[in-house]
Amino acid sequence: LPRPGTLLAAGGETLRAAALALHADAIIATGLAEPGVPRAVLRGGVWDGVAVVSKSGAFGGPSLWRDLLFPTGIPA
């Protein structure tokens, strides 16, 4: 897969599986995208240095990803 600017993941098991598949050594927390939605960076592996935004599978409302991707509204 091409290297993304940011990896988005819903669910800890999903993020863990992605990190293992990419041979990452660690996921290092760097802050919050918003309350309850951590930011991190992958260390090691084929996507070393790629930013990560993740959330618990059951966390957030139906517009959470939209609001994170398009904080000023969906582009026309």
C-alpha atoms as a PDB file:
ATOM      1  CA  LEU A   1       0.000   0.000   0.000  1.00  0.00           C
ATOM      2  CA  PRO A   2       1.165   3.561  -0.617  1.00  0.00           C
ATOM      3  CA  ARG A   3       2.316   5.407   2.483  1.00  0.00           C
ATOM      4  CA  PRO A   4      -0.485   7.710   3.748  1.00  0.00           C
ATOM      5  CA  GLY A   5      -0.104  11.082   5.383  1.00  0.00           C
ATOM      6  CA  THR A   6      -2.149   9.819   8.350  1.00  0.00           C
ATOM      7  CA  LEU A   7      -3.477   6.408   9.319  1.00  0.00           C
ATOM      8  CA  LEU A   8      -7.038   6.518  10.685  1.00  0.00           C
ATOM      9  CA  ALA A   9      -8.152   3.580  12.805  1.00  0.00           C
ATOM     10  CA  ALA A  10     -11.389   2.719  14.571  1.00  0.00           C
ATOM     11  CA  GLY A  11     -10.898   0.140  17.299  1.00  0.00           C
ATOM     12  CA  GLY A  12      -7.795  -0.907  19.188  1.00  0.00           C
ATOM     13  CA  GLU A  13      -7.704  -4.354  17.620  1.00  0.00           C
ATOM     14  CA  THR A  14      -7.829  -2.779  14.153  1.00  0.00           C
ATOM     15  CA  LEU A  15      -4.922  -0.473  14.979  1.00  0.00           C
ATOM     16  CA  ARG A  16      -2.954  -3.338  16.519  1.00  0.00           C
ATOM     17  CA  ALA A  17      -3.494  -5.519  13.430  1.00  0.00           C
ATOM     18  CA  ALA A  18      -2.408  -2.682  11.125  1.00  0.00           C
ATOM     19  CA  ALA A  19       0.714  -2.006  13.204  1.00  0.00           C
ATOM     20  CA  LEU A  20       1.639  -5.703  13.193  1.00  0.00           C
ATOM     21  CA  ALA A  21       1.066  -5.999   9.439  1.00  0.00           C
ATOM     22  CA  LEU A  22       3.277  -2.941   8.879  1.00  0.00           C
ATOM     23  CA  HIS A  23       5.981  -4.366  11.187  1.00  0.00           C
ATOM     24  CA  ALA A  24       5.840  -1.299  13.439  1.00  0.00           C
ATOM     25  CA  ASP A  25       7.866  -1.571  16.644  1.00  0.00           C
ATOM     26  CA  ALA A  26       5.724   0.910  18.579  1.00  0.00           C
ATOM     27  CA  ILE A  27       2.861   3.385  18.481  1.00  0.00           C
ATOM     28  CA  ILE A  28       3.943   6.517  20.343  1.00  0.00           C
ATOM     29  CA  ALA A  29       1.232   8.825  21.704  1.00  0.00           C
ATOM     30  CA  THR A  30       1.728  12.478  20.738  1.00  0.00           C
ATOM     31  CA  GLY A  31      -1.484  14.169  21.904  1.00  0.00           C
ATOM     32  CA  LEU A  32      -5.198  14.354  21.191  1.00  0.00           C
ATOM     33  CA  ALA A  33      -7.044  15.109  17.957  1.00  0.00           C
ATOM     34  CA  GLU A  34      -9.978  15.915  20.240  1.00  0.00           C
ATOM     35  CA  PRO A  35     -10.990  14.656  23.688  1.00  0.00           C
ATOM     36  CA  GLY A  36     -10.951  10.850  23.671  1.00  0.00           C
ATOM     37  CA  VAL A  37      -9.325  10.630  20.216  1.00  0.00           C
ATOM     38  CA  PRO A  38      -5.559  10.147  20.515  1.00  0.00           C
ATOM     39  CA  ARG A  39      -2.886  11.167  18.048  1.00  0.00           C
ATOM     40  CA  ALA A  40       0.211   9.019  17.727  1.00  0.00           C
ATOM     41  CA  VAL A  41       3.029   8.123  15.373  1.00  0.00           C
ATOM     42  CA  LEU A  42       4.180   4.719  14.128  1.00  0.00           C
ATOM     43  CA  ARG A  43       7.789   3.833  14.918  1.00  0.00           C
ATOM     44  CA  GLY A  44       9.619   1.227  12.892  1.00  0.00           C
ATOM     45  CA  GLY A  45       8.327  -0.815  10.004  1.00  0.00           C
ATOM     46  CA  VAL A  46       7.417   0.189   6.485  1.00  0.00           C
ATOM     47  CA  TRP A  47       5.375   3.253   7.560  1.00  0.00           C
ATOM     48  CA  ASP A  48       7.837   4.556  10.157  1.00  0.00           C
ATOM     49  CA  GLY A  49       6.892   8.099  11.132  1.00  0.00           C
ATOM     50  CA  VAL A  50       3.311   7.979   9.807  1.00  0.00           C
ATOM     51  CA  ALA A  51       0.849   9.895  11.985  1.00  0.00           C
ATOM     52  CA  VAL A  52      -2.014   7.921  13.535  1.00  0.00           C
ATOM     53  CA  VAL A  53      -5.443   9.068  14.696  1.00  0.00           C
ATOM     54  CA  SER A  54      -7.409   6.371  16.455  1.00  0.00           C
ATOM     55  CA  LYS A  55     -10.529   5.924  18.514  1.00  0.00           C
ATOM     56  CA  SER A  56     -12.247   3.208  20.457  1.00  0.00           C
ATOM     57  CA  GLY A  57     -14.621   1.310  18.202  1.00  0.00           C
ATOM     58  CA  ALA A  58     -17.670   2.430  20.199  1.00  0.00           C
ATOM     59  CA  PHE A  59     -16.471   5.989  20.898  1.00  0.00           C
ATOM     60  CA  GLY A  60     -17.840   9.102  19.244  1.00  0.00           C
ATOM     61  CA  GLY A  61     -20.944  10.048  17.387  1.00  0.00           C
ATOM     62  CA  PRO A  62     -21.803   9.300  13.765  1.00  0.00           C
ATOM     63  CA  SER A  63     -20.100  12.480  12.534  1.00  0.00           C
ATOM     64  CA  LEU A  64     -16.766  12.027  14.371  1.00  0.00           C
ATOM     65  CA  TRP A  65     -14.647  11.031  11.349  1.00  0.00           C
ATOM     66  CA  ARG A  66     -16.280  13.660   9.146  1.00  0.00           C
ATOM     67  CA  ASP A  67     -15.612  16.337  11.751  1.00  0.00           C
ATOM     68  CA  LEU A  68     -11.968  15.254  12.081  1.00  0.00           C
ATOM     69  CA  LEU A  69     -11.397  15.096   8.331  1.00  0.00           C
ATOM     70  CA  PHE A  70     -13.288  18.289   7.475  1.00  0.00           C
ATOM     71  CA  PRO A  71     -13.262  20.540  10.559  1.00  0.00           C
ATOM     72  CA  THR A  72     -14.729  23.463   8.626  1.00  0.00           C
ATOM     73  CA  GLY A  73     -17.387  21.447   6.817  1.00  0.00           C
ATOM     74  CA  ILE A  74     -17.452  18.970   3.955  1.00  0.00           C
ATOM     75  CA  PRO A  75     -15.871  20.483   0.846  1.00  0.00           C
ATOM     76  CA  ALA A  76     -18.180  21.085  -2.109  1.00  0.00           C
END
